[in-house]
């Protein structure tokens, strides 16, 4: 089977290409502004979608796998919500889920062609957006903006341009890993600029006091460095990666020690760093609900419907895999983990192909995989950046697999 177009043939006119890349940059940057709805991100995605549809997008057969899985997941959600659509909150939840799936498909399609330039445009915009969100969170935490404390913080934690500190922390992982990679592999001045960016973003992640974000940053950093080490072309490059990664780790520990010298920060850090939070333990705590909900899922083939878990338990699932079963029954419960684990495996397999976009793909895959693991303890199924990463993983992996196939086919 060959690729087929779903719109007019794609044009490579320089002005059109520049417009496409500018819009993709804005999509990446606008993801930071989500405390208002609809957010600038929604408008940026809509305009980009219309432009790319008008100028041409092509579907490759391999992409039918995630598209089919996404549609299946949303179909399950629709069945689960079918008797509850008179509730505006549930209708909005369902429409948001379909919207997230559409954005993932769109980003996968976008990354299939002109891959290096397009994913770099998104990544660079995302880095700028990450800095905006991080600076807003830091400014709010330290009361640097008059009257901005209530807007930019929540319960003594930085939330910046987000509604929830946990989502701020999760959003900042990708730009943090991107900046860290550029510190390790860039030229001197590039390393200096990106070290500053990484420091700002890492500080905001810390001040969000999200245990999941702390763990994700650590996990994604380790995975990214490991993939860079394995894919490095020379021993000299590997030595540089190890030394600079160790230096970054030492500086991060030193900065953490300085921050913890402030009593207010130290007290909240100790509270948040505890593994025995009251809402985690007990029969109806986070993990107790996971076990009870898993047993309950077996009795509801079509699920109990979106946002209904809280009617049976004190809080929501805080587990995207369990939420898929609860909201969309066995259809979504089976297809959602299939979608994300197949995505992770396919992305990881193709990240080793030497391409012009290999470095950026390492950041995408590293962040996506660790965020996937985070889905076991938090609801990630409506995170815009998660579906951005999921779609980009497929698009980049398919583009890389083409390069591998062409390389193997060459005499």
Protein backbone atom coordinates (compact mmCIF):
# COMPACT_ATOMS: atom_id res chain seq x y z
CA UNK A 1 0.00 0.00 0.00
CA UNK A 2 1.12 3.51 -0.66
CA UNK A 3 0.45 6.85 0.98
CA UNK A 4 -2.68 8.66 -0.10
CA UNK A 5 -3.69 12.31 0.10
CA UNK A 6 -6.69 13.56 2.07
CA UNK A 7 -6.57 17.03 0.52
CA UNK A 8 -4.96 18.92 -2.31
CA UNK A 9 -1.35 18.00 -3.15
CA UNK A 10 1.14 19.45 -0.69
CA UNK A 11 2.95 22.56 -1.85
CA UNK A 12 6.57 23.35 -1.12
CA UNK A 13 6.36 27.06 -1.97
CA UNK A 14 8.75 28.92 0.36
CA UNK A 15 6.11 31.39 1.60
CA UNK A 16 3.63 28.64 2.32
CA UNK A 17 6.27 26.59 4.11
CA UNK A 18 7.27 29.60 6.21
CA UNK A 19 3.64 30.17 7.15
CA UNK A 20 3.20 26.51 8.09
CA UNK A 21 6.30 26.54 10.30
CA UNK A 22 5.27 29.82 11.94
CA UNK A 23 1.86 28.39 12.79
CA UNK A 24 3.41 25.22 14.20
CA UNK A 25 5.76 27.35 16.31
CA UNK A 26 2.74 29.25 17.63
CA UNK A 27 0.94 25.99 18.39
CA UNK A 28 3.90 24.93 20.53
CA UNK A 29 4.12 28.28 22.31
CA UNK A 30 0.38 28.77 22.86
CA UNK A 31 0.10 25.49 24.74
CA UNK A 32 1.35 27.41 27.78
CA UNK A 33 -1.77 29.60 28.03
CA UNK A 34 -4.60 27.36 29.20
CA UNK A 35 -6.10 29.08 32.25
CA UNK A 36 -8.68 30.57 29.87
CA UNK A 37 -10.97 28.46 27.69
CA UNK A 38 -11.02 28.23 24.81
CA UNK A 39 -7.31 28.92 24.99
CA UNK A 40 -5.06 30.39 22.27
CA UNK A 41 -3.88 26.81 21.70
CA UNK A 42 -7.31 25.80 20.41
CA UNK A 43 -7.35 28.64 17.89
CA UNK A 44 -3.77 27.91 16.82
CA UNK A 45 -4.55 24.22 16.27
CA UNK A 46 -7.73 25.05 14.35
CA UNK A 47 -6.01 27.52 12.01
CA UNK A 48 -3.10 25.11 11.48
CA UNK A 49 -5.47 22.23 10.78
CA UNK A 50 -7.39 24.24 8.19
CA UNK A 51 -4.20 25.44 6.49
CA UNK A 52 -2.61 21.99 6.30
CA UNK A 53 -5.85 20.41 5.14
CA UNK A 54 -6.14 23.01 2.39
CA UNK A 55 -2.55 22.63 1.25
CA UNK A 56 -2.30 18.86 1.62
CA UNK A 57 -1.78 16.10 4.16
CA UNK A 58 -0.96 12.50 3.35
CA UNK A 59 -1.87 9.36 5.29
CA UNK A 60 0.46 6.41 5.29
CA UNK A 61 -0.90 2.89 5.98
CA UNK A 62 1.09 2.62 9.24
CA UNK A 63 -0.80 5.61 10.59
CA UNK A 64 -4.10 3.76 10.29
CA UNK A 65 -3.12 1.81 13.42
CA UNK A 66 -3.14 4.75 15.89
CA UNK A 67 -6.04 6.39 14.08
CA UNK A 68 -8.09 3.21 14.40
CA UNK A 69 -7.17 2.83 18.07
CA UNK A 70 -7.98 6.47 18.83
CA UNK A 71 -11.36 6.19 17.14
CA UNK A 72 -12.04 2.95 19.02
CA UNK A 73 -11.22 4.56 22.37
CA UNK A 74 -13.48 7.53 21.64
CA UNK A 75 -16.24 5.20 20.39
CA UNK A 76 -16.15 3.43 23.75
CA UNK A 77 -16.36 6.77 25.57
CA UNK A 78 -19.34 7.75 23.41
CA UNK A 79 -21.17 4.55 24.29
CA UNK A 80 -20.42 5.03 27.99
CA UNK A 81 -21.68 8.62 27.89
CA UNK A 82 -24.70 7.99 25.66
CA UNK A 83 -27.26 8.02 28.50
CA UNK A 84 -25.65 10.99 30.29
CA UNK A 85 -25.38 13.59 27.54
CA UNK A 86 -28.05 15.81 29.07
CA UNK A 87 -25.38 16.81 31.59
CA UNK A 88 -23.32 19.67 30.05
CA UNK A 89 -20.19 18.62 31.97
CA UNK A 90 -20.28 15.12 30.52
CA UNK A 91 -21.02 16.37 27.00
CA UNK A 92 -18.07 18.76 27.30
CA UNK A 93 -15.86 15.91 28.56
CA UNK A 94 -16.80 13.73 25.60
CA UNK A 95 -16.27 16.49 23.05
CA UNK A 96 -12.91 17.32 24.64
CA UNK A 97 -11.87 13.67 24.35
CA UNK A 98 -12.71 13.60 20.64
CA UNK A 99 -10.87 16.90 20.20
CA UNK A 100 -7.74 15.50 21.87
CA UNK A 101 -7.85 12.47 19.56
CA UNK A 102 -8.17 14.71 16.50
CA UNK A 103 -5.17 16.80 17.57
CA UNK A 104 -3.07 13.64 17.99
CA UNK A 105 -4.01 12.52 14.47
CA UNK A 106 -3.22 15.98 13.12
CA UNK A 107 0.25 16.15 14.67
CA UNK A 108 1.05 12.66 13.41
CA UNK A 109 0.07 13.70 9.87
CA UNK A 110 2.05 16.93 10.11
CA UNK A 111 5.25 15.15 11.18
CA UNK A 112 5.21 12.76 8.22
CA UNK A 113 6.58 15.35 5.78
CA UNK A 114 9.27 18.03 6.18
CA UNK A 115 9.78 16.24 9.48
CA UNK A 116 12.88 17.95 10.81
CA UNK A 117 11.70 21.51 10.20
CA UNK A 118 8.17 20.90 11.45
CA UNK A 119 8.98 19.15 14.70
CA UNK A 120 11.74 21.67 15.42
CA UNK A 121 9.24 24.50 14.90
CA UNK A 122 6.85 22.90 17.39
CA UNK A 123 9.67 22.13 19.83
CA UNK A 124 11.12 25.65 19.69
CA UNK A 125 7.70 27.18 20.22
CA UNK A 126 7.04 24.78 23.07
CA UNK A 127 10.33 25.83 24.69
CA UNK A 128 9.28 29.49 24.56
CA UNK A 129 5.86 28.58 25.93
CA UNK A 130 7.52 26.60 28.69
CA UNK A 131 9.61 29.64 29.66
CA UNK A 132 6.50 31.83 29.72
CA UNK A 133 4.62 29.41 31.95
CA UNK A 134 7.66 28.84 34.17
CA UNK A 135 8.37 32.55 34.65
CA UNK A 136 4.71 33.17 35.45
CA UNK A 137 4.78 30.41 38.07
CA UNK A 138 8.01 31.70 39.63
CA UNK A 139 6.74 35.29 39.65
CA UNK A 140 3.53 34.18 41.33
CA UNK A 141 5.28 32.08 43.94
CA UNK A 142 7.63 34.87 44.99
CA UNK A 143 4.91 37.57 44.70
CA UNK A 144 6.87 39.46 42.06
CA UNK A 145 3.67 40.65 40.35
CA UNK A 146 1.29 42.80 42.44
CA UNK A 147 -1.96 40.90 42.90
CA UNK A 148 -0.68 37.96 40.88
CA UNK A 149 -0.25 35.56 43.77
CA UNK A 150 -3.82 34.25 43.77
CA UNK A 151 -3.90 33.89 39.98
CA UNK A 152 -0.49 32.29 39.52
CA UNK A 153 -0.37 30.06 42.60
CA UNK A 154 -2.64 27.53 44.30
CA UNK A 155 -2.34 26.33 47.90
CA UNK A 156 1.18 27.73 48.14
CA UNK A 157 2.27 26.02 44.91
CA UNK A 158 3.19 27.62 41.60
CA UNK A 159 0.66 27.04 38.83
CA UNK A 160 1.60 29.86 36.45
CA UNK A 161 -0.64 30.03 33.41
CA UNK A 162 -2.37 26.74 34.29
CA UNK A 163 -5.32 25.95 36.52
CA UNK A 164 -3.47 23.21 38.40
CA UNK A 165 0.15 23.06 39.66
CA UNK A 166 0.33 19.39 38.68
CA UNK A 167 -0.49 20.17 35.06
CA UNK A 168 2.01 23.05 35.01
CA UNK A 169 4.70 20.64 36.17
CA UNK A 170 3.71 18.03 33.59
CA UNK A 171 3.64 20.57 30.76
CA UNK A 172 7.15 21.79 31.59
CA UNK A 173 8.81 18.38 31.29
CA UNK A 174 9.26 18.47 27.51
CA UNK A 175 10.89 21.95 27.34
CA UNK A 176 13.07 21.05 30.33
CA UNK A 177 14.34 17.89 28.62
CA UNK A 178 14.78 19.75 25.33
CA UNK A 179 16.85 22.47 27.01
CA UNK A 180 18.90 19.86 28.91
CA UNK A 181 19.67 18.02 25.70
CA UNK A 182 20.85 21.25 24.06
CA UNK A 183 23.06 21.94 27.07
CA UNK A 184 24.71 18.56 26.67
CA UNK A 185 25.06 18.56 22.88
CA UNK A 186 25.13 22.22 21.86
CA UNK A 187 27.97 24.64 21.27
CA UNK A 188 29.26 26.72 24.19
CA UNK A 189 26.89 29.68 23.83
CA UNK A 190 24.00 27.43 22.97
CA UNK A 191 24.75 25.43 26.11
CA UNK A 192 24.84 28.62 28.20
CA UNK A 193 21.50 29.89 26.84
CA UNK A 194 19.81 26.55 27.30
CA UNK A 195 21.32 26.08 30.76
CA UNK A 196 19.57 29.30 31.79
CA UNK A 197 16.33 28.09 30.22
CA UNK A 198 16.65 24.71 31.94
CA UNK A 199 17.31 26.38 35.28
CA UNK A 200 14.21 28.55 34.99
CA UNK A 201 11.97 25.68 33.94
CA UNK A 202 13.39 23.26 36.52
CA UNK A 203 12.82 25.86 39.25
CA UNK A 204 9.18 26.22 38.21
CA UNK A 205 8.73 22.44 38.23
CA UNK A 206 10.15 22.33 41.73
CA UNK A 207 7.91 25.18 42.94
CA UNK A 208 4.84 23.42 41.55
CA UNK A 209 5.53 20.83 44.29
CA UNK A 210 4.16 18.04 42.13
CA UNK A 211 5.67 14.69 43.07
CA UNK A 212 4.63 13.26 39.71
CA UNK A 213 6.37 16.11 37.86
CA UNK A 214 9.53 15.67 39.92
CA UNK A 215 9.61 11.97 39.14
CA UNK A 216 8.81 12.53 35.47
CA UNK A 217 11.59 15.09 35.11
CA UNK A 218 14.08 12.69 36.68
CA UNK A 219 12.88 9.70 34.66
CA UNK A 220 12.73 11.53 31.33
CA UNK A 221 16.17 13.05 31.93
CA UNK A 222 17.72 9.64 32.60
CA UNK A 223 16.00 8.06 29.59
CA UNK A 224 16.98 10.94 27.32
CA UNK A 225 20.64 10.82 28.40
CA UNK A 226 20.69 7.03 28.02
CA UNK A 227 19.30 7.23 24.48
CA UNK A 228 21.75 10.00 23.59
CA UNK A 229 24.61 7.88 24.92
CA UNK A 230 23.55 4.78 22.99
CA UNK A 231 22.98 6.70 19.74
CA UNK A 232 26.12 8.85 19.98
CA UNK A 233 28.30 8.35 16.88
CA UNK A 234 31.68 8.48 18.65
CA UNK A 235 33.29 7.63 21.98
CA UNK A 236 34.26 11.29 22.39
CA UNK A 237 30.60 12.29 22.13
CA UNK A 238 29.66 9.66 24.70
CA UNK A 239 32.27 10.96 27.12
CA UNK A 240 30.96 14.52 26.66
CA UNK A 241 27.40 13.35 27.31
CA UNK A 242 28.40 11.58 30.53
CA UNK A 243 30.49 14.46 31.86
CA UNK A 244 27.95 17.18 31.10
CA UNK A 245 25.07 15.09 32.42
CA UNK A 246 26.98 14.58 35.67
CA UNK A 247 27.76 18.29 35.88
CA UNK A 248 24.09 19.15 35.32
CA UNK A 249 23.14 16.73 38.08
CA UNK A 250 25.62 18.27 40.53
CA UNK A 251 24.42 21.80 39.77
CA UNK A 252 20.80 20.71 40.16
CA UNK A 253 21.52 19.18 43.58
CA UNK A 254 23.36 22.36 44.63
CA UNK A 255 20.44 24.53 43.53
CA UNK A 256 18.04 22.26 45.42
CA UNK A 257 20.14 22.63 48.56
CA UNK A 258 19.98 26.43 48.28
CA UNK A 259 16.20 26.38 47.80
CA UNK A 260 15.69 24.10 50.79
CA UNK A 261 17.55 26.58 52.98
CA UNK A 262 14.37 28.69 52.93
CA UNK A 263 12.05 27.51 55.70
CA UNK A 264 8.81 27.98 53.74
CA UNK A 265 10.09 25.99 50.77
CA UNK A 266 11.65 23.32 52.97
CA UNK A 267 8.42 22.76 54.93
CA UNK A 268 6.26 22.36 51.84
CA UNK A 269 8.89 20.19 50.17
CA UNK A 270 8.95 17.78 53.11
CA UNK A 271 5.15 17.65 53.13
CA UNK A 272 4.87 17.02 49.38
CA UNK A 273 7.84 14.63 49.19
CA UNK A 274 6.24 12.26 51.69
CA UNK A 275 5.15 8.96 50.14
CA UNK A 276 2.31 8.58 52.64
CA UNK A 277 -0.08 11.37 51.75
CA UNK A 278 -3.52 11.05 53.42
CA UNK A 279 -5.31 10.91 50.06
CA UNK A 280 -3.03 8.08 48.86
CA UNK A 281 -3.49 5.61 51.71
CA UNK A 282 -6.47 3.78 53.13
CA UNK A 283 -9.20 1.68 51.56
CA UNK A 284 -10.57 4.64 49.60
CA UNK A 285 -7.24 6.35 49.05
CA UNK A 286 -5.74 6.75 45.59
CA UNK A 287 -4.29 3.25 45.36
CA UNK A 288 -7.17 1.62 47.22
CA UNK A 289 -9.55 3.16 44.68
CA UNK A 290 -7.45 1.71 41.88
CA UNK A 291 -7.95 -1.82 43.21
CA UNK A 292 -11.64 -1.36 43.94
CA UNK A 293 -12.23 0.30 40.59
CA UNK A 294 -10.41 -2.46 38.71
CA UNK A 295 -12.70 -5.05 40.28
CA UNK A 296 -15.72 -2.87 39.57
CA UNK A 297 -14.77 -2.53 35.89
CA UNK A 298 -15.41 -6.24 35.35
CA UNK A 299 -19.11 -5.74 36.15
CA UNK A 300 -19.68 -2.90 33.66
CA UNK A 301 -18.88 -3.90 30.04
CA UNK A 302 -19.91 -0.46 28.74
CA UNK A 303 -18.50 1.42 31.72
CA UNK A 304 -20.26 3.69 34.18
CA UNK A 305 -19.75 6.79 32.04
CA UNK A 306 -17.40 9.79 32.19
CA UNK A 307 -17.09 11.62 35.51
CA UNK A 308 -19.20 8.99 37.29
CA UNK A 309 -16.39 7.38 39.31
CA UNK A 310 -16.65 10.17 41.89
CA UNK A 311 -20.27 9.10 42.57
CA UNK A 312 -19.00 5.77 43.91
CA UNK A 313 -15.73 6.90 45.50
CA UNK A 314 -14.51 10.03 47.32
CA UNK A 315 -12.39 11.24 44.36
CA UNK A 316 -11.71 10.63 40.67
CA UNK A 317 -9.68 7.67 39.45
CA UNK A 318 -6.29 9.43 39.17
CA UNK A 319 -5.35 6.65 36.78
CA UNK A 320 -5.90 7.06 33.03
CA UNK A 321 -6.01 3.30 32.42
CA UNK A 322 -8.68 2.76 35.05
CA UNK A 323 -10.53 5.82 33.82
CA UNK A 324 -10.66 4.33 30.32
CA UNK A 325 -12.45 1.27 31.72
CA UNK A 326 -14.76 3.35 33.89
CA UNK A 327 -15.66 5.92 31.24
CA UNK A 328 -15.70 3.76 28.11
CA UNK A 329 -16.10 0.19 29.31
CA UNK A 330 -14.14 -2.75 28.01
CA UNK A 331 -13.73 -1.20 24.55
CA UNK A 332 -11.85 1.88 25.77
CA UNK A 333 -10.29 -0.02 28.66
CA UNK A 334 -8.57 -2.43 26.27
CA UNK A 335 -7.83 -0.09 23.38
CA UNK A 336 -6.41 2.81 25.41
CA UNK A 337 -3.47 0.88 26.88
CA UNK A 338 -2.98 -0.79 23.49
CA UNK A 339 -2.71 2.66 21.93
CA UNK A 340 -0.20 4.11 24.35
CA UNK A 341 2.02 1.04 24.73
CA UNK A 342 2.16 0.39 20.98
CA UNK A 343 3.01 4.07 20.52
CA UNK A 344 5.83 3.83 23.06
CA UNK A 345 7.24 0.64 21.55
CA UNK A 346 7.08 1.90 17.97
CA UNK A 347 8.58 5.27 18.91
CA UNK A 348 11.39 3.69 20.90
CA UNK A 349 12.20 1.25 18.11
CA UNK A 350 12.63 3.99 15.52
CA UNK A 351 14.43 6.50 17.71
CA UNK A 352 17.69 4.66 16.92
CA UNK A 353 17.49 5.46 13.19
CA UNK A 354 20.04 8.12 12.24
CA UNK A 355 18.04 11.00 10.82
CA UNK A 356 18.33 14.81 10.85
CA UNK A 357 15.57 14.85 13.48
CA UNK A 358 16.94 12.09 15.72
CA UNK A 359 17.87 14.40 18.59
CA UNK A 360 14.43 15.98 18.77
CA UNK A 361 12.74 12.59 18.43
CA UNK A 362 14.72 11.37 21.45
CA UNK A 363 13.24 14.20 23.53
CA UNK A 364 9.73 13.50 22.23
CA UNK A 365 9.91 9.76 22.91
CA UNK A 366 11.60 10.12 26.31
CA UNK A 367 8.97 12.57 27.54
CA UNK A 368 6.09 10.60 26.07
CA UNK A 369 7.16 7.28 27.61
CA UNK A 370 7.66 8.65 31.11
CA UNK A 371 4.39 10.62 30.92
CA UNK A 372 2.74 7.35 29.90
CA UNK A 373 4.02 5.80 33.14
CA UNK A 374 2.72 8.82 35.04
CA UNK A 375 -0.74 7.90 33.71
CA UNK A 376 -0.86 5.11 36.31
CA UNK A 377 -1.14 7.66 39.14
CA UNK A 378 -2.82 10.67 37.54
CA UNK A 379 -5.41 11.48 34.88
CA UNK A 380 -3.52 12.45 31.71
CA UNK A 381 -6.30 11.75 29.22
CA UNK A 382 -7.17 15.44 28.65
CA UNK A 383 -3.65 16.88 28.68
CA UNK A 384 -3.10 18.77 25.45
CA UNK A 385 0.67 18.28 25.46
CA UNK A 386 0.30 14.52 26.01
CA UNK A 387 -1.69 14.10 22.80
CA UNK A 388 0.75 16.41 21.03
CA UNK A 389 3.59 14.09 22.05
CA UNK A 390 1.60 10.98 21.19
CA UNK A 391 0.86 12.22 17.68
CA UNK A 392 4.41 13.44 17.09
CA UNK A 393 5.79 10.10 18.24
CA UNK A 394 3.87 8.31 15.49
CA UNK A 395 4.67 10.83 12.78
CA UNK A 396 8.38 10.94 13.60
CA UNK A 397 8.63 7.16 14.00
CA UNK A 398 7.00 6.54 10.62
CA UNK A 399 9.26 9.11 8.96
CA UNK A 400 12.29 7.45 10.58
CA UNK A 401 11.15 3.99 9.52
CA UNK A 402 11.04 5.23 5.92
CA UNK A 403 14.67 6.30 6.24
CA UNK A 404 15.62 2.91 7.68
CA UNK A 405 13.78 1.10 4.90
CA UNK A 406 15.46 3.20 2.22
CA UNK A 407 18.85 2.61 3.84
CA UNK A 408 18.29 -1.15 3.94
CA UNK A 409 17.08 -1.15 0.34
CA UNK A 410 20.15 0.69 -0.92
CA UNK A 411 22.75 -1.57 -2.61
